[in-house]
Protein backbone atom coordinates (compact mmCIF):
# COMPACT_ATOMS: atom_id res chain seq x y z
CA MET A 1 0.00 0.00 0.00
CA LYS A 2 1.18 3.49 -0.76
CA THR A 3 2.08 5.87 2.02
CA VAL A 4 -0.36 8.20 3.77
CA MET A 5 -0.01 11.86 4.63
CA GLN A 6 0.92 11.05 8.20
CA ASP A 7 3.98 9.09 7.08
CA ILE A 8 5.27 12.05 5.08
CA ALA A 9 4.49 14.44 7.94
CA LYS A 10 6.45 12.35 10.46
CA ILE A 11 9.47 12.03 8.20
CA VAL A 12 9.63 15.75 7.43
CA GLY A 13 8.62 16.83 10.94
CA VAL A 14 5.51 18.85 10.06
CA SER A 15 1.74 18.46 10.47
CA PRO A 16 -0.44 16.54 7.98
CA GLY A 17 -2.12 19.86 7.13
CA THR A 18 1.23 21.32 6.08
CA VAL A 19 1.87 18.26 3.90
CA SER A 20 -1.54 18.72 2.30
CA ASN A 21 -0.84 22.40 1.62
CA ALA A 22 2.49 21.60 0.00
CA LEU A 23 1.20 18.78 -2.20
CA ASN A 24 -1.78 20.88 -3.28
CA ASN A 25 0.45 23.88 -4.05
CA LYS A 26 -1.19 26.08 -1.41
CA LYS A 27 0.34 29.15 0.17
CA GLY A 28 1.82 29.18 3.66
CA VAL A 29 4.57 26.56 3.30
CA GLY A 30 8.20 27.65 3.11
CA LYS A 31 10.12 26.79 -0.06
CA GLU A 32 12.64 24.55 1.67
CA THR A 33 9.94 22.69 3.62
CA LYS A 34 7.84 22.27 0.48
CA LEU A 35 10.78 20.77 -1.42
CA LYS A 36 11.43 18.32 1.43
CA ILE A 37 7.77 17.27 1.45
CA ILE A 38 7.64 16.75 -2.32
CA LYS A 39 10.95 14.82 -2.32
CA THR A 40 9.73 12.59 0.52
CA ALA A 41 6.41 12.02 -1.25
CA GLU A 42 8.23 11.05 -4.44
CA ASP A 43 10.53 8.66 -2.57
CA LEU A 44 7.55 6.98 -0.96
CA GLY A 45 5.60 6.65 -4.21
CA TYR A 46 2.85 9.12 -3.40
CA PHE A 47 2.65 10.40 -6.99
CA ASN A 48 2.17 6.99 -8.53
CA ASN A 49 -1.15 7.41 -10.36
CA SER A 50 -1.82 3.73 -10.98
CA LYS A 51 -4.07 1.94 -8.56
CA LYS A 52 -3.45 -1.74 -8.00
CA SER A 53 -6.54 -3.87 -7.67
CA GLU A 54 -5.76 -4.58 -4.02
CA ASP A 55 -5.30 -0.90 -3.12
CA LYS A 56 -8.11 0.58 -1.02
CA LEU A 57 -8.16 4.36 -1.13
CA ILE A 58 -10.23 6.99 0.68
CA ARG A 59 -9.87 10.66 -0.17
CA LEU A 60 -10.38 13.32 2.49
CA ILE A 61 -11.45 16.54 0.75
CA ILE A 62 -10.95 19.66 2.84
CA PHE A 63 -13.25 22.40 1.58
CA LYS A 64 -12.10 25.94 2.25
CA LYS A 65 -14.30 28.95 1.66
CA HIS A 66 -12.23 31.60 3.43
CA GLY A 67 -9.77 29.60 5.51
CA TYR A 68 -10.42 31.47 8.75
CA VAL A 69 -11.73 28.36 10.50
CA VAL A 70 -10.41 25.37 8.53
CA SER A 71 -6.65 25.80 8.80
CA ASP A 72 -3.57 24.06 10.14
CA THR A 73 -4.78 24.25 13.75
CA GLN A 74 -4.64 21.77 16.62
CA PHE A 75 -8.31 20.91 16.18
CA PHE A 76 -8.16 19.99 12.50
CA SER A 77 -4.74 18.34 12.74
CA ALA A 78 -6.15 16.05 15.43
CA LEU A 79 -9.24 15.31 13.34
CA ILE A 80 -7.19 14.46 10.24
CA GLU A 81 -4.84 12.30 12.27
CA SER A 82 -7.81 10.39 13.69
CA CYS A 83 -9.13 9.74 10.17
CA GLU A 84 -5.70 8.53 9.04
CA ASN A 85 -5.26 6.21 12.00
CA GLU A 86 -8.65 4.58 11.45
CA CYS A 87 -8.01 4.18 7.72
CA ARG A 88 -4.68 2.54 8.48
CA GLN A 89 -6.25 0.11 10.94
CA ARG A 90 -8.99 -0.77 8.45
CA GLY A 91 -6.57 -1.40 5.58
CA TYR A 92 -7.27 1.81 3.67
CA GLU A 93 -4.98 4.63 2.64
CA LEU A 94 -6.12 8.19 3.18
CA LEU A 95 -5.31 10.74 0.49
CA ILE A 96 -5.84 14.39 1.36
CA SER A 97 -6.90 17.13 -1.08
CA GLN A 98 -7.96 20.74 -0.59
CA ILE A 99 -10.67 22.41 -2.62
CA SER A 100 -11.07 26.17 -2.37
CA HIS A 101 -14.27 28.08 -3.05
CA GLY A 102 -13.90 30.13 -6.24
CA GLU A 103 -10.74 28.33 -7.34
CA HIS A 104 -12.16 24.95 -8.37
CA ASP A 105 -15.14 24.48 -10.68
CA LYS A 106 -17.27 21.34 -11.05
CA GLU A 107 -14.98 19.84 -13.69
CA GLU A 108 -11.85 20.34 -11.58
CA ILE A 109 -13.57 18.89 -8.53
CA LEU A 110 -14.54 15.80 -10.50
CA LYS A 111 -10.92 15.39 -11.64
CA ILE A 112 -9.79 15.46 -8.01
CA ILE A 113 -12.50 12.98 -7.02
CA ASN A 114 -11.69 10.56 -9.86
CA HIS A 115 -7.91 10.74 -9.49
CA ASN A 116 -6.50 7.39 -8.26
CA LYS A 117 -9.93 5.73 -8.65
CA ILE A 118 -10.78 6.13 -4.98
CA ASP A 119 -13.28 3.97 -3.10
CA GLY A 120 -14.91 6.71 -1.03
CA ILE A 121 -14.82 10.35 0.04
CA LEU A 122 -14.75 12.07 3.42
CA LEU A 123 -15.84 15.67 2.89
CA LEU A 124 -14.74 18.08 5.61
CA ALA A 125 -17.52 20.64 5.17
CA THR A 126 -16.95 22.99 8.13
CA GLU A 127 -16.83 26.11 5.93
CA MET A 128 -19.44 24.88 3.44
CA ASP A 129 -23.10 25.85 2.95
CA GLU A 130 -25.78 24.09 0.92
CA ASN A 131 -24.99 26.01 -2.25
CA ASP A 132 -21.34 24.98 -2.03
CA PHE A 133 -22.41 21.35 -1.70
CA GLN A 134 -23.94 21.29 -5.19
CA ASN A 135 -20.59 20.40 -6.77
CA PHE A 136 -20.44 17.19 -4.73
CA GLU A 137 -23.92 15.88 -5.50
CA ASN A 138 -24.64 13.02 -7.90
CA ILE A 139 -21.08 11.71 -7.92
CA ASN A 140 -20.72 7.97 -8.28
CA VAL A 141 -18.54 7.55 -5.17
CA PRO A 142 -19.69 6.83 -1.58
CA LEU A 143 -19.57 10.05 0.43
CA VAL A 144 -19.68 10.93 4.14
CA VAL A 145 -19.95 14.59 5.20
CA LEU A 146 -17.91 15.54 8.24
CA ASP A 147 -18.49 18.49 10.62
CA SER A 148 -21.50 20.05 8.88
CA TYR A 149 -25.13 19.15 8.18
CA PHE A 150 -27.44 20.10 5.32
CA PRO A 151 -31.02 19.15 6.23
CA THR A 152 -32.29 19.01 2.63
CA LYS A 153 -29.45 16.76 1.40
CA SER A 154 -29.71 13.00 1.94
CA TYR A 155 -26.16 11.92 2.81
CA ASP A 156 -24.34 10.42 5.77
CA TYR A 157 -23.21 13.01 8.33
CA ILE A 158 -20.86 12.90 11.30
CA VAL A 159 -21.31 16.10 13.34
CA ILE A 160 -20.80 17.66 16.76
CA ASN A 161 -23.84 18.12 19.00
CA ASN A 162 -23.27 21.87 18.98
CA THR A 163 -26.69 22.77 20.34
CA ARG A 164 -26.47 20.69 23.50
CA GLY A 165 -22.88 21.72 24.17
CA SER A 166 -23.65 25.43 23.97
CA TYR A 167 -26.86 24.99 25.98
CA GLY A 168 -24.67 23.55 28.72
CA VAL A 169 -22.39 26.61 28.58
CA ALA A 170 -25.27 28.98 29.33
CA LYS A 171 -26.61 26.74 32.09
CA TYR A 172 -23.16 26.55 33.69
CA PHE A 173 -22.83 30.32 33.72
CA ILE A 174 -26.32 30.71 35.18
CA ASP A 175 -25.58 28.12 37.88
CA LYS A 176 -22.54 30.24 38.80
CA GLY A 177 -24.78 33.29 39.28
CA HIS A 178 -24.23 35.09 35.98
CA THR A 179 -27.27 36.80 34.44
CA LYS A 180 -25.65 39.22 31.98
CA ILE A 181 -23.91 36.88 29.53
CA GLY A 182 -22.53 37.75 26.12
CA ILE A 183 -21.26 35.86 23.07
CA LEU A 184 -17.86 36.21 21.43
CA ALA A 185 -19.17 35.26 17.99
CA SER A 186 -17.65 34.95 14.52
CA SER A 187 -17.66 37.58 11.80
CA MET A 188 -17.67 34.65 9.32
CA ASN A 189 -20.79 32.56 8.72
CA ILE A 190 -20.13 29.00 9.89
CA THR A 191 -22.94 26.46 10.32
CA ASN A 192 -21.48 25.02 13.54
CA PHE A 193 -21.35 28.51 15.06
CA GLU A 194 -24.99 29.10 14.15
CA TYR A 195 -26.04 25.96 16.05
CA ARG A 196 -23.91 27.00 19.02
CA CYS A 197 -25.63 30.37 19.16
CA ARG A 198 -29.05 28.71 18.97
CA GLY A 199 -28.33 26.33 21.83
CA PHE A 200 -26.96 29.13 23.96
CA ILE A 201 -29.92 31.47 23.35
CA LYS A 202 -32.39 28.64 24.01
CA ALA A 203 -30.89 28.11 27.46
CA ILE A 204 -31.04 31.85 28.19
CA ASP A 205 -34.74 31.78 27.25
CA ASP A 206 -35.45 28.58 29.20
CA PHE A 207 -34.05 30.14 32.38
CA ASN A 208 -36.13 33.31 31.86
CA LEU A 209 -33.19 35.60 31.22
CA THR A 210 -32.85 38.15 28.44
CA PHE A 211 -30.04 38.16 25.91
CA ASN A 212 -28.93 41.61 24.77
CA GLU A 213 -27.86 41.59 21.10
CA ASP A 214 -25.41 44.37 21.93
CA ASP A 215 -23.49 41.77 23.95
CA LYS A 216 -22.86 39.67 20.84
CA ILE A 217 -19.41 40.73 19.65
CA LEU A 218 -18.33 39.69 16.15
CA LEU A 219 -14.66 38.72 15.95
CA GLU A 220 -12.57 37.24 13.16
CA PRO A 221 -12.27 33.52 14.10
CA THR A 222 -8.46 33.46 14.12
CA LEU A 223 -6.09 34.04 17.02
CA ASP A 224 -4.70 37.30 15.62
CA GLY A 225 -8.05 38.44 14.26
CA SER A 226 -10.02 37.90 17.47
CA TYR A 227 -7.30 39.69 19.43
CA ARG A 228 -7.32 42.64 17.00
CA ASP A 229 -11.11 42.92 16.82
CA MET A 230 -11.52 42.62 20.59
CA LYS A 231 -8.94 45.36 21.15
CA GLN A 232 -10.91 47.60 18.81
CA TYR A 233 -14.19 46.79 20.56
CA LEU A 234 -12.76 47.59 23.97
CA LEU A 235 -11.83 51.10 22.87
CA ASN A 236 -15.50 52.06 23.18
CA HIS A 237 -17.01 49.41 25.45
CA LYS A 238 -14.45 48.61 28.14
CA GLY A 239 -16.69 49.57 31.07
CA LYS A 240 -19.86 48.00 29.69
CA LEU A 241 -18.96 44.30 29.44
CA PRO A 242 -21.14 41.42 30.67
CA THR A 243 -19.84 39.39 33.60
CA ALA A 244 -19.44 36.35 31.33
CA PHE A 245 -18.83 35.49 27.67
CA PHE A 246 -19.33 32.32 25.65
CA ALA A 247 -16.72 32.17 22.88
CA LEU A 248 -17.83 30.09 19.91
CA ASN A 249 -14.47 28.34 19.81
CA ASP A 250 -11.24 28.29 21.81
CA ILE A 251 -9.27 30.26 19.21
CA ILE A 252 -11.71 33.17 19.54
CA ALA A 253 -11.60 32.86 23.33
CA LEU A 254 -7.80 32.92 23.54
CA GLY A 255 -7.46 35.93 21.24
CA ALA A 256 -10.13 37.86 23.14
CA ILE A 257 -8.62 37.00 26.53
CA LYS A 258 -5.25 38.38 25.42
CA ALA A 259 -6.90 41.64 24.35
CA MET A 260 -8.85 41.97 27.60
CA GLN A 261 -5.86 41.25 29.78
CA GLU A 262 -3.83 43.91 27.98
CA GLU A 263 -6.62 46.33 28.91
CA LYS A 264 -6.27 45.26 32.58
CA ILE A 265 -9.54 43.33 32.59
CA ARG A 266 -9.12 40.46 35.04
CA ILE A 267 -10.18 36.98 33.95
CA PRO A 268 -12.26 35.54 35.62
CA GLU A 269 -12.64 38.09 38.46
CA GLU A 270 -14.26 40.69 36.18
CA VAL A 271 -15.20 38.63 33.14
CA SER A 272 -15.65 34.85 32.98
CA ILE A 273 -15.12 33.03 29.67
CA ILE A 274 -15.94 29.59 28.29
CA GLY A 275 -14.69 28.33 24.93
CA PHE A 276 -15.54 25.41 22.65
CA ASP A 277 -13.34 22.59 21.22
CA ASP A 278 -10.81 21.97 24.06
CA ILE A 279 -7.71 22.40 21.91
CA PRO A 280 -4.43 21.70 23.81
CA PHE A 281 -3.58 25.41 24.10
CA SER A 282 -6.77 25.99 26.11
CA SER A 283 -5.23 24.31 29.15
CA MET A 284 -1.95 26.25 28.94
CA GLY A 285 -3.05 29.87 29.38
CA ASN A 286 -3.36 32.00 32.49
CA PRO A 287 -6.04 31.35 33.47
CA ASN A 288 -6.49 28.03 31.73
CA LEU A 289 -9.74 27.91 29.81
CA THR A 290 -13.01 26.27 30.79
CA THR A 291 -14.33 24.86 27.55
CA ILE A 292 -16.51 22.31 25.76
CA LYS A 293 -14.58 19.20 24.75
CA VAL A 294 -15.10 17.95 21.21
CA TYR A 295 -14.06 14.33 20.64
CA THR A 296 -12.12 14.62 17.39
CA ASN A 297 -10.84 11.06 17.78
CA VAL A 298 -14.41 9.73 17.81
CA MET A 299 -15.42 11.96 14.89
CA GLY A 300 -12.55 10.67 12.75
CA ARG A 301 -13.09 7.04 13.68
CA LEU A 302 -16.84 7.07 13.09
CA SER A 303 -16.57 8.94 9.79
CA VAL A 304 -14.17 6.34 8.38
CA THR A 305 -16.20 3.45 9.81
CA ARG A 306 -19.40 4.80 8.27
CA LEU A 307 -17.76 5.43 4.91
CA ILE A 308 -16.43 1.87 4.74
CA GLU A 309 -19.92 0.59 5.58
CA ARG A 310 -21.23 2.71 2.71
CA ILE A 311 -18.50 1.40 0.35
CA ASN A 312 -19.38 -2.21 1.18
CA ASN A 313 -23.17 -1.71 1.22
CA LYS A 314 -24.09 0.98 -1.30
CA ASP A 315 -27.85 0.67 -0.77
CA GLU A 316 -27.85 1.49 2.95
CA ILE A 317 -30.09 4.29 4.18
CA SER A 318 -28.37 7.57 5.01
CA ILE A 319 -27.77 8.39 8.67
CA LYS A 320 -26.73 11.37 10.79
CA ILE A 321 -24.53 10.80 13.84
CA GLU A 322 -24.25 13.57 16.44
CA ILE A 323 -21.30 13.19 18.79
CA ASP A 324 -21.91 14.53 22.26
CA THR A 325 -19.61 16.98 24.05
CA ARG A 326 -18.48 17.51 27.64
CA LEU A 327 -17.79 20.64 29.66
CA ILE A 328 -14.22 20.78 30.99
CA GLU A 329 -14.00 22.91 34.14
CA ARG A 330 -10.82 24.92 34.55
CA ASN A 331 -10.12 28.41 35.92
CA SER A 332 -11.73 30.95 33.58
CA VAL A 333 -15.13 31.09 35.30
CA ILE A 334 -15.89 32.57 38.71
CA ASP A 335 -18.88 31.74 40.91
CA ILE A 336 -20.33 35.15 41.75
CA HIS A 337 -22.49 33.62 44.48
CA LYS A 338 -19.38 33.34 46.64
């Protein structure tokens, strides 16, 4: 069997996402690193286009619309690694391709899909909406959609239970005595973030509190962007903050915390914060971040398992699997009852 992205990544000493960027001629990889990746891929036979009859290939397609969320981060590196590990254990090789909105038309997407005569597709659709999905419909290859859900499209989906996780965030804040709670939201439209907002607002309503739309702060969902946008917001609103904020992911939370701390806002004494994802960095800050844990290892394993079931039994009915989350208590929330 040919090598997988993880093999190349380990040899070169980079992440699988960096390998994918280099092999797909994407920006953000240094020239020397890119040459090492390509040379290693050549040595290991990655560019061999012929598929032997015994080869079993799955292609992970990473769809990028703007790249602010789907990037070479801890969350997505862990998710990709989980997919690769499960493929390896099940006797499949995982090939990774990136498709960018506006850069690839239907014909180019079909070329990517048909290259190597793959057995099935995992579509990482975090940044995708239903209109973007049109280019992947009616293809003659088993397909599982990962990390997004389109209610009008009958496919297999593996998703996070965003609504329940974010409902739990609001309830946790309320149990700690907070009644004025804001959202550190995203300036980019992401389906997962929409579900997180809905779950959060539902809990606020269920506990007979009122959510003030002025306390929903739109930040670019990157570390630098959330820091920059929060700094700008604080210029005019420093003394008017809620006692607690739900950040729609950990990256947003960490950038916003840095901005607030630079403005001498004490976390959690003045403002409590909860994130979402539980990336490794969330436990390393000061304070370390209370957050919602997403089980990327389970997401990757189940997506591969379901796709192989679909490959072997093409007439199976489509299913949607929602993976539950868990709140991880750390030090970024204060109980104002005490």
